[in-house]
Amino acid sequence: MLEGNLIYSLVSLAIGIVMMGLGLYVFSRNPYSRISSTFIIAMSMGAIAAVMDFFILNSPDEATALIFGRLAFFAVTCMFGAILYLSAYLPDEGGIGWFVDNTVIYSI
């Protein structure tokens, strides 16, 4: 492995560590809030995706890289689902968002 590639792959690993730290910080501020719980899930999925990116860049063959790529794709999809859920808490004209009272839409 070239050491230049290792440096670039360590950047994605550092981003994953920062995302996990940010999620833990927000969760430690208010562990009983649904928003904090959802945010730590979103940041955990982002951290998993960043770690999978590190493994993709350092994988020995293409079959292993494909497995890590599929796991990264799954983690990113879950992360954006959690971000969509967080966006439902943004207030609209009548106060809190409509999706908060109608959470059935997230089960679809």
N, C-alpha and C. Protein backbone atom coordinates (compact mmCIF):
# COMPACT_ATOMS: atom_id res chain seq x y z
N MET A 1 0.85 -1.18 0.00
CA MET A 1 0.00 0.00 0.00
C MET A 1 0.89 1.24 0.00
N LEU A 2 0.52 2.20 -0.79
CA LEU A 2 1.26 3.45 -0.83
C LEU A 2 0.90 4.30 0.36
N GLU A 3 1.89 4.98 0.91
CA GLU A 3 1.62 5.78 2.11
C GLU A 3 0.81 7.03 1.79
N GLY A 4 0.86 7.50 0.56
CA GLY A 4 0.02 8.63 0.18
C GLY A 4 -1.45 8.30 0.24
N ASN A 5 -1.81 7.08 -0.15
CA ASN A 5 -3.21 6.65 -0.06
C ASN A 5 -3.64 6.47 1.38
N LEU A 6 -2.72 6.06 2.24
CA LEU A 6 -3.06 5.89 3.65
C LEU A 6 -3.43 7.23 4.29
N ILE A 7 -2.73 8.28 3.91
CA ILE A 7 -3.02 9.60 4.47
C ILE A 7 -4.44 10.03 4.10
N TYR A 8 -4.82 9.84 2.84
CA TYR A 8 -6.16 10.23 2.42
C TYR A 8 -7.24 9.36 3.08
N SER A 9 -6.93 8.10 3.31
CA SER A 9 -7.93 7.25 3.95
C SER A 9 -8.07 7.57 5.43
N LEU A 10 -7.01 8.08 6.04
CA LEU A 10 -7.11 8.46 7.46
C LEU A 10 -8.00 9.68 7.65
N VAL A 11 -8.17 10.49 6.62
CA VAL A 11 -9.07 11.65 6.72
C VAL A 11 -10.50 11.18 6.94
N SER A 12 -10.93 10.17 6.20
CA SER A 12 -12.30 9.68 6.39
C SER A 12 -12.46 9.02 7.75
N LEU A 13 -11.42 8.38 8.26
CA LEU A 13 -11.48 7.81 9.60
C LEU A 13 -11.59 8.91 10.66
N ALA A 14 -10.86 10.00 10.47
CA ALA A 14 -10.95 11.13 11.41
C ALA A 14 -12.33 11.77 11.36
N ILE A 15 -12.93 11.85 10.18
CA ILE A 15 -14.28 12.41 10.07
C ILE A 15 -15.28 11.53 10.82
N GLY A 16 -15.11 10.22 10.73
CA GLY A 16 -15.98 9.31 11.48
C GLY A 16 -15.85 9.49 12.98
N ILE A 17 -14.64 9.71 13.46
CA ILE A 17 -14.43 9.94 14.89
C ILE A 17 -15.06 11.25 15.33
N VAL A 18 -14.94 12.28 14.51
CA VAL A 18 -15.55 13.57 14.84
C VAL A 18 -17.07 13.47 14.86
N MET A 19 -17.64 12.74 13.89
CA MET A 19 -19.09 12.57 13.86
C MET A 19 -19.59 11.83 15.09
N MET A 20 -18.88 10.79 15.49
CA MET A 20 -19.30 10.04 16.68
C MET A 20 -19.16 10.90 17.94
N GLY A 21 -18.10 11.69 18.01
CA GLY A 21 -17.93 12.58 19.15
C GLY A 21 -19.01 13.64 19.23
N LEU A 22 -19.40 14.18 18.08
CA LEU A 22 -20.48 15.18 18.05
C LEU A 22 -21.80 14.56 18.48
N GLY A 23 -22.07 13.36 18.01
CA GLY A 23 -23.31 12.68 18.42
C GLY A 23 -23.33 12.38 19.90
N LEU A 24 -22.21 11.93 20.45
CA LEU A 24 -22.15 11.65 21.89
C LEU A 24 -22.28 12.93 22.71
N TYR A 25 -21.72 14.03 22.22
CA TYR A 25 -21.83 15.30 22.95
C TYR A 25 -23.28 15.76 23.01
N VAL A 26 -23.98 15.73 21.88
CA VAL A 26 -25.38 16.16 21.85
C VAL A 26 -26.24 15.23 22.70
N PHE A 27 -25.97 13.93 22.64
CA PHE A 27 -26.75 12.98 23.43
C PHE A 27 -26.49 13.16 24.93
N SER A 28 -25.26 13.49 25.31
CA SER A 28 -24.97 13.67 26.73
C SER A 28 -25.62 14.93 27.30
N ARG A 29 -25.91 15.91 26.44
CA ARG A 29 -26.57 17.13 26.91
C ARG A 29 -28.01 16.87 27.34
N ASN A 30 -28.73 16.00 26.61
CA ASN A 30 -30.11 15.67 26.95
C ASN A 30 -30.41 14.26 26.46
N PRO A 31 -30.11 13.25 27.28
CA PRO A 31 -30.29 11.87 26.80
C PRO A 31 -31.74 11.42 26.71
N TYR A 32 -32.68 12.17 27.24
CA TYR A 32 -34.08 11.75 27.24
C TYR A 32 -34.87 12.35 26.09
N SER A 33 -34.24 13.18 25.27
CA SER A 33 -34.93 13.82 24.16
C SER A 33 -34.93 12.90 22.93
N ARG A 34 -36.05 12.89 22.21
CA ARG A 34 -36.12 12.10 20.97
C ARG A 34 -35.20 12.67 19.91
N ILE A 35 -35.04 13.98 19.91
CA ILE A 35 -34.18 14.62 18.93
C ILE A 35 -32.72 14.23 19.17
N SER A 36 -32.30 14.20 20.42
CA SER A 36 -30.92 13.80 20.74
C SER A 36 -30.68 12.34 20.39
N SER A 37 -31.66 11.50 20.66
CA SER A 37 -31.52 10.08 20.32
C SER A 37 -31.44 9.87 18.81
N THR A 38 -32.26 10.59 18.08
CA THR A 38 -32.22 10.47 16.63
C THR A 38 -30.93 11.03 16.06
N PHE A 39 -30.43 12.12 16.67
CA PHE A 39 -29.19 12.71 16.18
C PHE A 39 -28.01 11.78 16.40
N ILE A 40 -27.95 11.09 17.55
CA ILE A 40 -26.83 10.17 17.76
C ILE A 40 -26.93 8.98 16.82
N ILE A 41 -28.13 8.57 16.46
CA ILE A 41 -28.27 7.49 15.46
C ILE A 41 -27.76 7.96 14.11
N ALA A 42 -28.12 9.19 13.73
CA ALA A 42 -27.66 9.73 12.44
C ALA A 42 -26.14 9.86 12.42
N MET A 43 -25.55 10.35 13.49
CA MET A 43 -24.11 10.51 13.54
C MET A 43 -23.39 9.16 13.61
N SER A 44 -24.01 8.19 14.27
CA SER A 44 -23.41 6.84 14.32
C SER A 44 -23.40 6.21 12.93
N MET A 45 -24.50 6.39 12.19
CA MET A 45 -24.54 5.85 10.83
C MET A 45 -23.52 6.56 9.93
N GLY A 46 -23.35 7.86 10.12
CA GLY A 46 -22.32 8.59 9.37
C GLY A 46 -20.92 8.13 9.73
N ALA A 47 -20.70 7.84 11.01
CA ALA A 47 -19.39 7.34 11.44
C ALA A 47 -19.13 5.95 10.86
N ILE A 48 -20.15 5.11 10.84
CA ILE A 48 -19.99 3.77 10.24
C ILE A 48 -19.68 3.90 8.75
N ALA A 49 -20.35 4.83 8.07
CA ALA A 49 -20.08 5.04 6.64
C ALA A 49 -18.66 5.54 6.42
N ALA A 50 -18.16 6.40 7.30
CA ALA A 50 -16.79 6.90 7.16
C ALA A 50 -15.78 5.79 7.42
N VAL A 51 -16.05 4.93 8.39
CA VAL A 51 -15.14 3.81 8.66
C VAL A 51 -15.16 2.82 7.50
N MET A 52 -16.34 2.59 6.92
CA MET A 52 -16.42 1.71 5.76
C MET A 52 -15.67 2.31 4.56
N ASP A 53 -15.69 3.63 4.44
CA ASP A 53 -14.92 4.29 3.40
C ASP A 53 -13.42 4.05 3.61
N PHE A 54 -12.98 4.11 4.86
CA PHE A 54 -11.59 3.80 5.18
C PHE A 54 -11.25 2.37 4.78
N PHE A 55 -12.16 1.44 5.08
CA PHE A 55 -11.92 0.04 4.72
C PHE A 55 -11.96 -0.18 3.20
N ILE A 56 -12.81 0.57 2.50
CA ILE A 56 -12.85 0.46 1.04
C ILE A 56 -11.51 0.88 0.45
N LEU A 57 -10.98 2.00 0.94
CA LEU A 57 -9.72 2.50 0.40
C LEU A 57 -8.54 1.60 0.73
N ASN A 58 -8.64 0.80 1.79
CA ASN A 58 -7.53 -0.06 2.20
C ASN A 58 -7.84 -1.54 2.02
N SER A 59 -8.84 -1.88 1.23
CA SER A 59 -9.20 -3.29 1.07
C SER A 59 -8.20 -3.99 0.14
N PRO A 60 -7.95 -5.27 0.40
CA PRO A 60 -6.95 -5.99 -0.40
C PRO A 60 -7.42 -6.39 -1.80
N ASP A 61 -8.73 -6.62 -1.97
CA ASP A 61 -9.22 -7.02 -3.28
C ASP A 61 -10.59 -6.38 -3.52
N GLU A 62 -11.10 -6.55 -4.73
CA GLU A 62 -12.34 -5.85 -5.08
C GLU A 62 -13.58 -6.50 -4.47
N ALA A 63 -13.55 -7.77 -4.14
CA ALA A 63 -14.71 -8.41 -3.51
C ALA A 63 -14.92 -7.86 -2.10
N THR A 64 -13.82 -7.66 -1.39
CA THR A 64 -13.91 -7.08 -0.04
C THR A 64 -14.37 -5.63 -0.12
N ALA A 65 -13.86 -4.90 -1.10
CA ALA A 65 -14.27 -3.52 -1.27
C ALA A 65 -15.76 -3.42 -1.61
N LEU A 66 -16.27 -4.38 -2.36
CA LEU A 66 -17.70 -4.39 -2.68
C LEU A 66 -18.55 -4.60 -1.44
N ILE A 67 -18.12 -5.48 -0.55
CA ILE A 67 -18.86 -5.72 0.70
C ILE A 67 -18.86 -4.46 1.55
N PHE A 68 -17.69 -3.83 1.69
CA PHE A 68 -17.62 -2.59 2.47
C PHE A 68 -18.43 -1.48 1.82
N GLY A 69 -18.46 -1.45 0.50
CA GLY A 69 -19.26 -0.44 -0.20
C GLY A 69 -20.74 -0.61 0.04
N ARG A 70 -21.19 -1.85 0.06
CA ARG A 70 -22.61 -2.10 0.33
C ARG A 70 -22.97 -1.71 1.77
N LEU A 71 -22.08 -2.00 2.71
CA LEU A 71 -22.33 -1.59 4.10
C LEU A 71 -22.33 -0.07 4.23
N ALA A 72 -21.44 0.59 3.51
CA ALA A 72 -21.41 2.06 3.55
C ALA A 72 -22.68 2.64 2.94
N PHE A 73 -23.16 2.05 1.86
CA PHE A 73 -24.39 2.52 1.23
C PHE A 73 -25.58 2.35 2.17
N PHE A 74 -25.64 1.22 2.87
CA PHE A 74 -26.72 1.00 3.84
C PHE A 74 -26.65 2.02 4.97
N ALA A 75 -25.44 2.29 5.47
CA ALA A 75 -25.29 3.25 6.57
C ALA A 75 -25.68 4.65 6.14
N VAL A 76 -25.31 5.04 4.93
CA VAL A 76 -25.67 6.38 4.45
C VAL A 76 -27.18 6.50 4.25
N THR A 77 -27.81 5.44 3.76
CA THR A 77 -29.26 5.46 3.60
C THR A 77 -29.96 5.61 4.95
N CYS A 78 -29.50 4.88 5.96
CA CYS A 78 -30.07 5.01 7.31
C CYS A 78 -29.80 6.39 7.88
N MET A 79 -28.63 6.95 7.62
CA MET A 79 -28.29 8.28 8.12
C MET A 79 -29.24 9.33 7.55
N PHE A 80 -29.50 9.26 6.24
CA PHE A 80 -30.40 10.24 5.65
C PHE A 80 -31.85 10.02 6.08
N GLY A 81 -32.22 8.80 6.41
CA GLY A 81 -33.54 8.57 6.99
C GLY A 81 -33.67 9.23 8.35
N ALA A 82 -32.62 9.16 9.16
CA ALA A 82 -32.64 9.82 10.46
C ALA A 82 -32.65 11.33 10.30
N ILE A 83 -31.94 11.85 9.31
CA ILE A 83 -31.95 13.29 9.07
C ILE A 83 -33.32 13.74 8.59
N LEU A 84 -33.99 12.92 7.79
CA LEU A 84 -35.36 13.24 7.38
C LEU A 84 -36.28 13.30 8.59
N TYR A 85 -36.10 12.36 9.53
CA TYR A 85 -36.90 12.37 10.75
C TYR A 85 -36.60 13.62 11.58
N LEU A 86 -35.33 14.02 11.63
CA LEU A 86 -34.98 15.24 12.36
C LEU A 86 -35.59 16.48 11.71
N SER A 87 -35.68 16.49 10.40
CA SER A 87 -36.26 17.65 9.72
C SER A 87 -37.74 17.79 10.00
N ALA A 88 -38.39 16.72 10.45
CA ALA A 88 -39.81 16.80 10.79
C ALA A 88 -40.03 17.64 12.04
N TYR A 89 -39.00 17.82 12.85
CA TYR A 89 -39.14 18.63 14.05
C TYR A 89 -38.94 20.12 13.80
N LEU A 90 -38.61 20.49 12.56
CA LEU A 90 -38.49 21.91 12.25
C LEU A 90 -39.87 22.54 12.31
N PRO A 91 -39.99 23.69 12.94
CA PRO A 91 -41.32 24.30 13.08
C PRO A 91 -41.82 24.88 11.76
N ASP A 92 -43.13 24.83 11.59
CA ASP A 92 -43.76 25.50 10.46
C ASP A 92 -44.61 26.65 11.00
N GLU A 93 -45.57 27.10 10.24
CA GLU A 93 -46.35 28.26 10.67
C GLU A 93 -47.16 28.00 11.93
N GLY A 94 -47.61 26.76 12.12
CA GLY A 94 -48.47 26.45 13.26
C GLY A 94 -47.71 25.92 14.47
N GLY A 95 -46.42 26.01 14.50
CA GLY A 95 -45.65 25.49 15.62
C GLY A 95 -44.75 24.36 15.17
N ILE A 96 -44.90 23.21 15.80
CA ILE A 96 -44.05 22.06 15.46
C ILE A 96 -44.55 21.41 14.18
N GLY A 97 -43.70 20.70 13.50
CA GLY A 97 -44.01 20.14 12.19
C GLY A 97 -45.15 19.12 12.21
N TRP A 98 -45.77 18.94 11.07
CA TRP A 98 -46.91 18.03 10.93
C TRP A 98 -46.50 16.58 11.10
N PHE A 99 -45.30 16.22 10.67
CA PHE A 99 -44.87 14.83 10.70
C PHE A 99 -44.64 14.29 12.10
N VAL A 100 -44.47 15.17 13.08
CA VAL A 100 -44.23 14.72 14.44
C VAL A 100 -45.45 14.00 14.99
N ASP A 101 -46.63 14.52 14.69
CA ASP A 101 -47.87 13.89 15.15
C ASP A 101 -48.26 12.70 14.29
N ASN A 102 -47.78 12.63 13.07
CA ASN A 102 -48.13 11.57 12.14
C ASN A 102 -46.88 10.77 11.80
N THR A 103 -46.41 9.96 12.73
CA THR A 103 -45.17 9.23 12.50
C THR A 103 -45.36 7.95 11.70
N VAL A 104 -46.57 7.68 11.26
CA VAL A 104 -46.82 6.49 10.45
C VAL A 104 -46.08 6.57 9.11
N ILE A 105 -45.86 7.78 8.64
CA ILE A 105 -45.19 7.94 7.35
C ILE A 105 -43.77 7.39 7.37
N TYR A 106 -43.13 7.34 8.53
CA TYR A 106 -41.76 6.83 8.61
C TYR A 106 -41.70 5.31 8.59
N SER A 107 -42.80 4.66 8.80
CA SER A 107 -42.80 3.21 8.75
C SER A 107 -42.95 2.66 7.34
N ILE A 108 -43.23 3.54 6.40
CA ILE A 108 -43.44 3.12 5.00
C ILE A 108 -42.11 2.90 4.32
